[in-house]
């Protein structure tokens, strides 16, 4: 799955925001949404296939965290867009 397609869904973006703070179990993630846990499992599968999150089994739990490579990519994209917006601000700034 394409990264941008994976991030195109608001639920998946919210999951990424949650995991950016700390790792969480699938059940803890599911508890934060008004949809079924199986629907959240589908979202987590899409995020794993897009290589945005990693999953680790600990006993009976599945723990999710941001893939370190994805975190680096996100930082680069944020820097790129911040630079572009800064340049746009300079262009639009009244003289």
PDB file of N, CA and C in Angstrom:
ATOM      1  N   UNK A   1       0.854  -1.176   0.000  1.00  0.00           N
ATOM      2  CA  UNK A   1       0.000   0.000   0.000  1.00  0.00           C
ATOM      3  C   UNK A   1       0.896   1.234   0.000  1.00  0.00           C
ATOM      4  N   UNK A   2       0.496   2.212  -0.751  1.00  0.00           N
ATOM      5  CA  UNK A   2       1.186   3.486  -0.842  1.00  0.00           C
ATOM      6  C   UNK A   2       1.050   4.261   0.469  1.00  0.00           C
ATOM      7  N   UNK A   3       2.120   4.928   0.877  1.00  0.00           N
ATOM      8  CA  UNK A   3       2.123   5.686   2.134  1.00  0.00           C
ATOM      9  C   UNK A   3       1.040   6.750   2.128  1.00  0.00           C
ATOM     10  N   UNK A   4       0.925   7.474   1.014  1.00  0.00           N
ATOM     11  CA  UNK A   4      -0.060   8.554   0.965  1.00  0.00           C
ATOM     12  C   UNK A   4      -1.489   8.024   0.982  1.00  0.00           C
ATOM     13  N   UNK A   5      -1.719   6.884   0.340  1.00  0.00           N
ATOM     14  CA  UNK A   5      -3.044   6.268   0.397  1.00  0.00           C
ATOM     15  C   UNK A   5      -3.356   5.823   1.824  1.00  0.00           C
ATOM     16  N   UNK A   6      -2.349   5.261   2.501  1.00  0.00           N
ATOM     17  CA  UNK A   6      -2.546   4.833   3.892  1.00  0.00           C
ATOM     18  C   UNK A   6      -2.870   6.017   4.791  1.00  0.00           C
ATOM     19  N   UNK A   7      -2.205   7.141   4.544  1.00  0.00           N
ATOM     20  CA  UNK A   7      -2.431   8.325   5.375  1.00  0.00           C
ATOM     21  C   UNK A   7      -3.649   9.139   4.933  1.00  0.00           C
ATOM     22  N   UNK A   8      -4.281   8.721   3.851  1.00  0.00           N
ATOM     23  CA  UNK A   8      -5.447   9.439   3.351  1.00  0.00           C
ATOM     24  C   UNK A   8      -6.681   9.275   4.220  1.00  0.00           C
ATOM     25  N   UNK A   9      -6.675   8.302   5.071  1.00  0.00           N
ATOM     26  CA  UNK A   9      -7.826   8.045   5.945  1.00  0.00           C
ATOM     27  C   UNK A   9      -7.628   8.739   7.282  1.00  0.00           C
ATOM     28  N   UNK A  10      -8.622   9.500   7.755  1.00  0.00           N
ATOM     29  CA  UNK A  10      -8.469  10.233   9.020  1.00  0.00           C
ATOM     30  C   UNK A  10      -8.254   9.331  10.238  1.00  0.00           C
ATOM     31  N   UNK A  11      -8.854   8.154  10.245  1.00  0.00           N
ATOM     32  CA  UNK A  11      -8.651   7.240  11.377  1.00  0.00           C
ATOM     33  C   UNK A  11      -7.199   6.792  11.428  1.00  0.00           C
ATOM     34  N   UNK A  12      -6.627   6.464  10.277  1.00  0.00           N
ATOM     35  CA  UNK A  12      -5.232   6.032  10.256  1.00  0.00           C
ATOM     36  C   UNK A  12      -4.300   7.176  10.639  1.00  0.00           C
ATOM     37  N   UNK A  13      -4.609   8.392  10.207  1.00  0.00           N
ATOM     38  CA  UNK A  13      -3.784   9.537  10.618  1.00  0.00           C
ATOM     39  C   UNK A  13      -3.849   9.725  12.132  1.00  0.00           C
ATOM     40  N   UNK A  14      -5.020   9.537  12.703  1.00  0.00           N
ATOM     41  CA  UNK A  14      -5.163   9.667  14.158  1.00  0.00           C
ATOM     42  C   UNK A  14      -4.352   8.580  14.868  1.00  0.00           C
ATOM     43  N   UNK A  15      -4.368   7.376  14.332  1.00  0.00           N
ATOM     44  CA  UNK A  15      -3.580   6.292  14.926  1.00  0.00           C
ATOM     45  C   UNK A  15      -2.095   6.654  14.888  1.00  0.00           C
ATOM     46  N   UNK A  16      -1.625   7.184  13.762  1.00  0.00           N
ATOM     47  CA  UNK A  16      -0.221   7.602  13.644  1.00  0.00           C
ATOM     48  C   UNK A  16       0.090   8.683  14.675  1.00  0.00           C
ATOM     49  N   UNK A  17      -0.805   9.641  14.850  1.00  0.00           N
ATOM     50  CA  UNK A  17      -0.592  10.697  15.855  1.00  0.00           C
ATOM     51  C   UNK A  17      -0.479  10.102  17.255  1.00  0.00           C
ATOM     52  N   UNK A  18      -1.319   9.129  17.556  1.00  0.00           N
ATOM     53  CA  UNK A  18      -1.273   8.479  18.867  1.00  0.00           C
ATOM     54  C   UNK A  18       0.051   7.747  19.066  1.00  0.00           C
ATOM     55  N   UNK A  19       0.481   7.018  18.030  1.00  0.00           N
ATOM     56  CA  UNK A  19       1.709   6.236  18.134  1.00  0.00           C
ATOM     57  C   UNK A  19       2.954   7.117  18.107  1.00  0.00           C
ATOM     58  N   UNK A  20       2.824   8.327  17.610  1.00  0.00           N
ATOM     59  CA  UNK A  20       3.963   9.253  17.623  1.00  0.00           C
ATOM     60  C   UNK A  20       4.325   9.632  19.061  1.00  0.00           C
ATOM     61  N   UNK A  21       3.367   9.558  19.952  1.00  0.00           N
ATOM     62  CA  UNK A  21       3.609   9.889  21.362  1.00  0.00           C
ATOM     63  C   UNK A  21       4.221   8.718  22.123  1.00  0.00           C
ATOM     64  N   UNK A  22       3.678   7.494  21.897  1.00  0.00           N
ATOM     65  CA  UNK A  22       4.184   6.299  22.569  1.00  0.00           C
ATOM     66  C   UNK A  22       3.563   5.062  21.940  1.00  0.00           C
ATOM     67  N   UNK A  23       4.208   3.934  22.163  1.00  0.00           N
ATOM     68  CA  UNK A  23       3.680   2.682  21.618  1.00  0.00           C
ATOM     69  C   UNK A  23       2.431   2.280  22.389  1.00  0.00           C
ATOM     70  N   UNK A  24       1.525   1.577  21.700  1.00  0.00           N
ATOM     71  CA  UNK A  24       0.247   1.182  22.291  1.00  0.00           C
ATOM     72  C   UNK A  24      -0.132  -0.214  21.823  1.00  0.00           C
ATOM     73  N   UNK A  25      -0.913  -0.891  22.646  1.00  0.00           N
ATOM     74  CA  UNK A  25      -1.453  -2.183  22.230  1.00  0.00           C
ATOM     75  C   UNK A  25      -2.626  -1.943  21.281  1.00  0.00           C
ATOM     76  N   UNK A  26      -2.936  -2.964  20.481  1.00  0.00           N
ATOM     77  CA  UNK A  26      -4.054  -2.860  19.549  1.00  0.00           C
ATOM     78  C   UNK A  26      -5.360  -2.575  20.290  1.00  0.00           C
ATOM     79  N   UNK A  27      -5.537  -3.201  21.438  1.00  0.00           N
ATOM     80  CA  UNK A  27      -6.783  -2.980  22.190  1.00  0.00           C
ATOM     81  C   UNK A  27      -6.873  -1.553  22.727  1.00  0.00           C
ATOM     82  N   UNK A  28      -5.751  -0.994  23.174  1.00  0.00           N
ATOM     83  CA  UNK A  28      -5.759   0.407  23.653  1.00  0.00           C
ATOM     84  C   UNK A  28      -6.071   1.367  22.512  1.00  0.00           C
ATOM     85  N   UNK A  29      -5.534   1.072  21.335  1.00  0.00           N
ATOM     86  CA  UNK A  29      -5.834   1.902  20.162  1.00  0.00           C
ATOM     87  C   UNK A  29      -7.319   1.794  19.844  1.00  0.00           C
ATOM     88  N   UNK A  30      -7.832   0.574  19.809  1.00  0.00           N
ATOM     89  CA  UNK A  30      -9.240   0.354  19.492  1.00  0.00           C
ATOM     90  C   UNK A  30     -10.191   1.019  20.462  1.00  0.00           C
ATOM     91  N   UNK A  31      -9.790   1.120  21.724  1.00  0.00           N
ATOM     92  CA  UNK A  31     -10.646   1.753  22.735  1.00  0.00           C
ATOM     93  C   UNK A  31     -10.864   3.242  22.481  1.00  0.00           C
ATOM     94  N   UNK A  32     -10.005   3.852  21.692  1.00  0.00           N
ATOM     95  CA  UNK A  32     -10.077   5.299  21.449  1.00  0.00           C
ATOM     96  C   UNK A  32     -11.009   5.672  20.294  1.00  0.00           C
ATOM     97  N   UNK A  33     -11.598   4.678  19.612  1.00  0.00           N
ATOM     98  CA  UNK A  33     -12.408   4.951  18.436  1.00  0.00           C
ATOM     99  C   UNK A  33     -13.810   4.367  18.580  1.00  0.00           C
ATOM    100  N   UNK A  34     -14.793   5.029  17.953  1.00  0.00           N
ATOM    101  CA  UNK A  34     -16.173   4.546  18.047  1.00  0.00           C
ATOM    102  C   UNK A  34     -16.509   3.481  17.001  1.00  0.00           C
ATOM    103  N   UNK A  35     -15.504   2.732  16.550  1.00  0.00           N
ATOM    104  CA  UNK A  35     -15.735   1.651  15.586  1.00  0.00           C
ATOM    105  C   UNK A  35     -15.274   0.340  16.219  1.00  0.00           C
ATOM    106  N   UNK A  36     -15.576  -0.759  15.558  1.00  0.00           N
ATOM    107  CA  UNK A  36     -15.222  -2.064  16.111  1.00  0.00           C
ATOM    108  C   UNK A  36     -13.707  -2.264  16.139  1.00  0.00           C
ATOM    109  N   UNK A  37     -13.276  -3.159  17.012  1.00  0.00           N
ATOM    110  CA  UNK A  37     -11.862  -3.480  17.093  1.00  0.00           C
ATOM    111  C   UNK A  37     -11.382  -4.141  15.798  1.00  0.00           C
ATOM    112  N   UNK A  38     -12.277  -4.866  15.128  1.00  0.00           N
ATOM    113  CA  UNK A  38     -11.873  -5.485  13.863  1.00  0.00           C
ATOM    114  C   UNK A  38     -11.633  -4.414  12.797  1.00  0.00           C
ATOM    115  N   UNK A  39     -12.393  -3.327  12.825  1.00  0.00           N
ATOM    116  CA  UNK A  39     -12.151  -2.222  11.889  1.00  0.00           C
ATOM    117  C   UNK A  39     -10.791  -1.579  12.167  1.00  0.00           C
ATOM    118  N   UNK A  40     -10.458  -1.416  13.438  1.00  0.00           N
ATOM    119  CA  UNK A  40      -9.152  -0.856  13.803  1.00  0.00           C
ATOM    120  C   UNK A  40      -8.042  -1.816  13.381  1.00  0.00           C
ATOM    121  N   UNK A  41      -8.270  -3.108  13.511  1.00  0.00           N
ATOM    122  CA  UNK A  41      -7.278  -4.091  13.060  1.00  0.00           C
ATOM    123  C   UNK A  41      -7.005  -3.942  11.567  1.00  0.00           C
ATOM    124  N   UNK A  42      -8.047  -3.667  10.803  1.00  0.00           N
ATOM    125  CA  UNK A  42      -7.869  -3.449   9.361  1.00  0.00           C
ATOM    126  C   UNK A  42      -7.016  -2.206   9.104  1.00  0.00           C
ATOM    127  N   UNK A  43      -7.290  -1.139   9.845  1.00  0.00           N
ATOM    128  CA  UNK A  43      -6.491   0.085   9.704  1.00  0.00           C
ATOM    129  C   UNK A  43      -5.032  -0.176  10.070  1.00  0.00           C
ATOM    130  N   UNK A  44      -4.811  -0.925  11.134  1.00  0.00           N
ATOM    131  CA  UNK A  44      -3.443  -1.241  11.551  1.00  0.00           C
ATOM    132  C   UNK A  44      -2.730  -2.109  10.504  1.00  0.00           C
ATOM    133  N   UNK A  45      -3.468  -2.999   9.871  1.00  0.00           N
ATOM    134  CA  UNK A  45      -2.889  -3.820   8.813  1.00  0.00           C
ATOM    135  C   UNK A  45      -2.436  -2.944   7.647  1.00  0.00           C
ATOM    136  N   UNK A  46      -3.254  -1.981   7.262  1.00  0.00           N
ATOM    137  CA  UNK A  46      -2.899  -1.063   6.174  1.00  0.00           C
ATOM    138  C   UNK A  46      -1.639  -0.277   6.545  1.00  0.00           C
ATOM    139  N   UNK A  47      -1.575   0.204   7.775  1.00  0.00           N
ATOM    140  CA  UNK A  47      -0.405   0.969   8.219  1.00  0.00           C
ATOM    141  C   UNK A  47       0.852   0.092   8.247  1.00  0.00           C
ATOM    142  N   UNK A  48       0.700  -1.178   8.621  1.00  0.00           N
ATOM    143  CA  UNK A  48       1.847  -2.101   8.589  1.00  0.00           C
ATOM    144  C   UNK A  48       2.297  -2.356   7.155  1.00  0.00           C
ATOM    145  N   UNK A  49       1.349  -2.578   6.254  1.00  0.00           N
ATOM    146  CA  UNK A  49       1.687  -2.839   4.854  1.00  0.00           C
ATOM    147  C   UNK A  49       2.374  -1.642   4.209  1.00  0.00           C
ATOM    148  N   UNK A  50       2.014  -0.444   4.648  1.00  0.00           N
ATOM    149  CA  UNK A  50       2.644   0.777   4.133  1.00  0.00           C
ATOM    150  C   UNK A  50       3.978   1.052   4.828  1.00  0.00           C
ATOM    151  N   UNK A  51       4.353   0.172   5.754  1.00  0.00           N
ATOM    152  CA  UNK A  51       5.616   0.286   6.497  1.00  0.00           C
ATOM    153  C   UNK A  51       5.677   1.558   7.368  1.00  0.00           C
ATOM    154  N   UNK A  52       4.511   2.004   7.827  1.00  0.00           N
ATOM    155  CA  UNK A  52       4.460   3.165   8.709  1.00  0.00           C
ATOM    156  C   UNK A  52       4.541   2.775  10.175  1.00  0.00           C
ATOM    157  N   UNK A  53       4.050   1.574  10.499  1.00  0.00           N
ATOM    158  CA  UNK A  53       4.104   1.108  11.887  1.00  0.00           C
ATOM    159  C   UNK A  53       4.699  -0.301  11.934  1.00  0.00           C
ATOM    160  N   UNK A  54       5.242  -0.624  13.084  1.00  0.00           N
ATOM    161  CA  UNK A  54       5.746  -1.964  13.368  1.00  0.00           C
ATOM    162  C   UNK A  54       4.890  -2.562  14.475  1.00  0.00           C
ATOM    163  N   UNK A  55       4.763  -3.892  14.446  1.00  0.00           N
ATOM    164  CA  UNK A  55       4.008  -4.593  15.471  1.00  0.00           C
ATOM    165  C   UNK A  55       4.913  -5.633  16.124  1.00  0.00           C
ATOM    166  N   UNK A  56       4.806  -5.715  17.435  1.00  0.00           N
ATOM    167  CA  UNK A  56       5.572  -6.697  18.205  1.00  0.00           C
ATOM    168  C   UNK A  56       4.613  -7.452  19.105  1.00  0.00           C
ATOM    169  N   UNK A  57       4.722  -8.764  19.102  1.00  0.00           N
ATOM    170  CA  UNK A  57       3.876  -9.568  19.987  1.00  0.00           C
ATOM    171  C   UNK A  57       4.559  -9.682  21.340  1.00  0.00           C
ATOM    172  N   UNK A  58       3.817  -9.334  22.380  1.00  0.00           N
ATOM    173  CA  UNK A  58       4.273  -9.507  23.765  1.00  0.00           C
ATOM    174  C   UNK A  58       3.187 -10.289  24.487  1.00  0.00           C
ATOM    175  N   UNK A  59       3.478 -11.540  24.741  1.00  0.00           N
ATOM    176  CA  UNK A  59       2.492 -12.455  25.334  1.00  0.00           C
ATOM    177  C   UNK A  59       1.250 -12.481  24.447  1.00  0.00           C
ATOM    178  N   UNK A  60       0.112 -12.078  24.983  1.00  0.00           N
ATOM    179  CA  UNK A  60      -1.132 -12.084  24.205  1.00  0.00           C
ATOM    180  C   UNK A  60      -1.416 -10.752  23.521  1.00  0.00           C
ATOM    181  N   UNK A  61      -0.554  -9.770  23.729  1.00  0.00           N
ATOM    182  CA  UNK A  61      -0.802  -8.434  23.185  1.00  0.00           C
ATOM    183  C   UNK A  61      -0.003  -8.193  21.917  1.00  0.00           C
ATOM    184  N   UNK A  62      -0.545  -7.350  21.073  1.00  0.00           N
ATOM    185  CA  UNK A  62       0.161  -6.865  19.890  1.00  0.00           C
ATOM    186  C   UNK A  62       0.440  -5.384  20.133  1.00  0.00           C
ATOM    187  N   UNK A  63       1.711  -5.056  20.221  1.00  0.00           N
ATOM    188  CA  UNK A  63       2.128  -3.691  20.527  1.00  0.00           C
ATOM    189  C   UNK A  63       2.551  -3.007  19.227  1.00  0.00           C
ATOM    190  N   UNK A  64       2.017  -1.817  19.010  1.00  0.00           N
ATOM    191  CA  UNK A  64       2.308  -1.056  17.798  1.00  0.00           C
ATOM    192  C   UNK A  64       3.134   0.167  18.125  1.00  0.00           C
ATOM    193  N   UNK A  65       4.049   0.497  17.199  1.00  0.00           N
ATOM    194  CA  UNK A  65       4.857   1.710  17.321  1.00  0.00           C
ATOM    195  C   UNK A  65       5.201   2.187  15.922  1.00  0.00           C
ATOM    196  N   UNK A  66       5.577   3.448  15.834  1.00  0.00           N
ATOM    197  CA  UNK A  66       5.968   4.025  14.548  1.00  0.00           C
ATOM    198  C   UNK A  66       7.243   3.335  14.064  1.00  0.00           C
ATOM    199  N   UNK A  67       7.273   2.997  12.794  1.00  0.00           N
ATOM    200  CA  UNK A  67       8.480   2.452  12.188  1.00  0.00           C
ATOM    201  C   UNK A  67       9.545   3.554  12.195  1.00  0.00           C
ATOM    202  N   UNK A  68      10.740   3.290  12.719  1.00  0.00           N
ATOM    203  CA  UNK A  68      11.779   4.331  12.786  1.00  0.00           C
ATOM    204  C   UNK A  68      12.106   4.961  11.425  1.00  0.00           C
ATOM    205  N   UNK A  69      12.089   4.168  10.368  1.00  0.00           N
ATOM    206  CA  UNK A  69      12.342   4.723   9.034  1.00  0.00           C
ATOM    207  C   UNK A  69      11.219   5.673   8.625  1.00  0.00           C
ATOM    208  N   UNK A  70       9.983   5.335   8.986  1.00  0.00           N
ATOM    209  CA  UNK A  70       8.850   6.205   8.674  1.00  0.00           C
ATOM    210  C   UNK A  70       8.951   7.503   9.464  1.00  0.00           C
ATOM    211  N   UNK A  71       9.415   7.407  10.710  1.00  0.00           N
ATOM    212  CA  UNK A  71       9.568   8.601  11.541  1.00  0.00           C
ATOM    213  C   UNK A  71      10.575   9.561  10.901  1.00  0.00           C
ATOM    214  N   UNK A  72      11.676   9.018  10.388  1.00  0.00           N
ATOM    215  CA  UNK A  72      12.670   9.854   9.707  1.00  0.00           C
ATOM    216  C   UNK A  72      12.078  10.504   8.469  1.00  0.00           C
ATOM    217  N   UNK A  73      11.304   9.743   7.710  1.00  0.00           N
ATOM    218  CA  UNK A  73      10.679  10.268   6.500  1.00  0.00           C
ATOM    219  C   UNK A  73       9.700  11.389   6.848  1.00  0.00           C
ATOM    220  N   UNK A  74       8.908  11.182   7.887  1.00  0.00           N
ATOM    221  CA  UNK A  74       7.938  12.195   8.312  1.00  0.00           C
ATOM    222  C   UNK A  74       8.654  13.486   8.704  1.00  0.00           C
ATOM    223  N   UNK A  75       9.765  13.371   9.427  1.00  0.00           N
ATOM    224  CA  UNK A  75      10.542  14.554   9.815  1.00  0.00           C
ATOM    225  C   UNK A  75      11.053  15.294   8.591  1.00  0.00           C
ATOM    226  N   UNK A  76      11.548  14.554   7.585  1.00  0.00           N
ATOM    227  CA  UNK A  76      12.040  15.182   6.363  1.00  0.00           C
ATOM    228  C   UNK A  76      10.923  15.908   5.629  1.00  0.00           C
ATOM    229  N   UNK A  77       9.748  15.280   5.558  1.00  0.00           N
ATOM    230  CA  UNK A  77       8.610  15.901   4.880  1.00  0.00           C
ATOM    231  C   UNK A  77       8.162  17.157   5.625  1.00  0.00           C
ATOM    232  N   UNK A  78       8.167  17.106   6.951  1.00  0.00           N
ATOM    233  CA  UNK A  78       7.787  18.290   7.729  1.00  0.00           C
ATOM    234  C   UNK A  78       8.759  19.422   7.478  1.00  0.00           C
ATOM    235  N   UNK A  79      10.049  19.117   7.448  1.00  0.00           N
ATOM    236  CA  UNK A  79      11.059  20.139   7.194  1.00  0.00           C
ATOM    237  C   UNK A  79      10.888  20.723   5.796  1.00  0.00           C
ATOM    238  N   UNK A  80      10.669  19.866   4.814  1.00  0.00           N
ATOM    239  CA  UNK A  80      10.472  20.320   3.442  1.00  0.00           C
ATOM    240  C   UNK A  80       9.284  21.266   3.342  1.00  0.00           C
ATOM    241  N   UNK A  81       8.155  20.874   3.915  1.00  0.00           N
ATOM    242  CA  UNK A  81       6.955  21.704   3.816  1.00  0.00           C
ATOM    243  C   UNK A  81       7.085  22.980   4.640  1.00  0.00           C
ATOM    244  N   UNK A  82       7.744  22.912   5.783  1.00  0.00           N
ATOM    245  CA  UNK A  82       7.961  24.136   6.563  1.00  0.00           C
ATOM    246  C   UNK A  82       8.804  25.129   5.786  1.00  0.00           C
ATOM    247  N   UNK A  83       9.838  24.654   5.090  1.00  0.00           N
ATOM    248  CA  UNK A  83      10.663  25.535   4.268  1.00  0.00           C
ATOM    249  C   UNK A  83       9.839  26.154   3.137  1.00  0.00           C
ATOM    250  N   UNK A  84       9.008  25.354   2.514  1.00  0.00           N
ATOM    251  CA  UNK A  84       8.169  25.862   1.423  1.00  0.00           C
ATOM    252  C   UNK A  84       7.171  26.899   1.925  1.00  0.00           C
ATOM    253  N   UNK A  85       6.576  26.651   3.068  1.00  0.00           N
ATOM    254  CA  UNK A  85       5.633  27.621   3.624  1.00  0.00           C
ATOM    255  C   UNK A  85       6.344  28.907   4.045  1.00  0.00           C
ATOM    256  N   UNK A  86       7.557  28.790   4.563  1.00  0.00           N
ATOM    257  CA  UNK A  86       8.341  29.976   4.913  1.00  0.00           C
ATOM    258  C   UNK A  86       8.613  30.823   3.682  1.00  0.00           C
ATOM    259  N   UNK A  87       8.978  30.174   2.573  1.00  0.00           N
ATOM    260  CA  UNK A  87       9.219  30.910   1.330  1.00  0.00           C
ATOM    261  C   UNK A  87       7.943  31.558   0.826  1.00  0.00           C
ATOM    262  N   UNK A  88       6.834  30.850   0.930  1.00  0.00           N
ATOM    263  CA  UNK A  88       5.554  31.406   0.511  1.00  0.00           C
ATOM    264  C   UNK A  88       5.185  32.607   1.372  1.00  0.00           C
ATOM    265  N   UNK A  89       5.417  32.520   2.672  1.00  0.00           N
ATOM    266  CA  UNK A  89       5.153  33.658   3.569  1.00  0.00           C
ATOM    267  C   UNK A  89       5.939  34.884   3.138  1.00  0.00           C
ATOM    268  N   UNK A  90       7.206  34.699   2.753  1.00  0.00           N
ATOM    269  CA  UNK A  90       8.033  35.815   2.315  1.00  0.00           C
ATOM    270  C   UNK A  90       7.486  36.437   1.049  1.00  0.00           C
ATOM    271  N   UNK A  91       7.009  35.607   0.136  1.00  0.00           N
ATOM    272  CA  UNK A  91       6.456  36.115  -1.121  1.00  0.00           C
ATOM    273  C   UNK A  91       5.161  36.879  -0.870  1.00  0.00           C
ATOM    274  N   UNK A  92       4.332  36.384   0.012  1.00  0.00           N
ATOM    275  CA  UNK A  92       3.029  36.986   0.257  1.00  0.00           C
ATOM    276  C   UNK A  92       3.071  38.154   1.236  1.00  0.00           C
ATOM    277  N   UNK A  93       4.171  38.314   1.927  1.00  0.00           N
ATOM    278  CA  UNK A  93       4.303  39.381   2.923  1.00  0.00           C
ATOM    279  C   UNK A  93       4.228  40.740   2.220  1.00  0.00           C
ATOM    280  N   UNK A  94       3.355  41.640   2.704  1.00  0.00           N
ATOM    281  CA  UNK A  94       3.275  42.970   2.073  1.00  0.00           C
ATOM    282  C   UNK A  94       4.579  43.739   2.246  1.00  0.00           C
ATOM    283  N   UNK A  95       4.903  44.485   1.217  1.00  0.00           N
ATOM    284  CA  UNK A  95       6.174  45.260   1.239  1.00  0.00           C
ATOM    285  C   UNK A  95       6.085  46.460   2.136  1.00  0.00           C
TER     286      UNK A  95
END
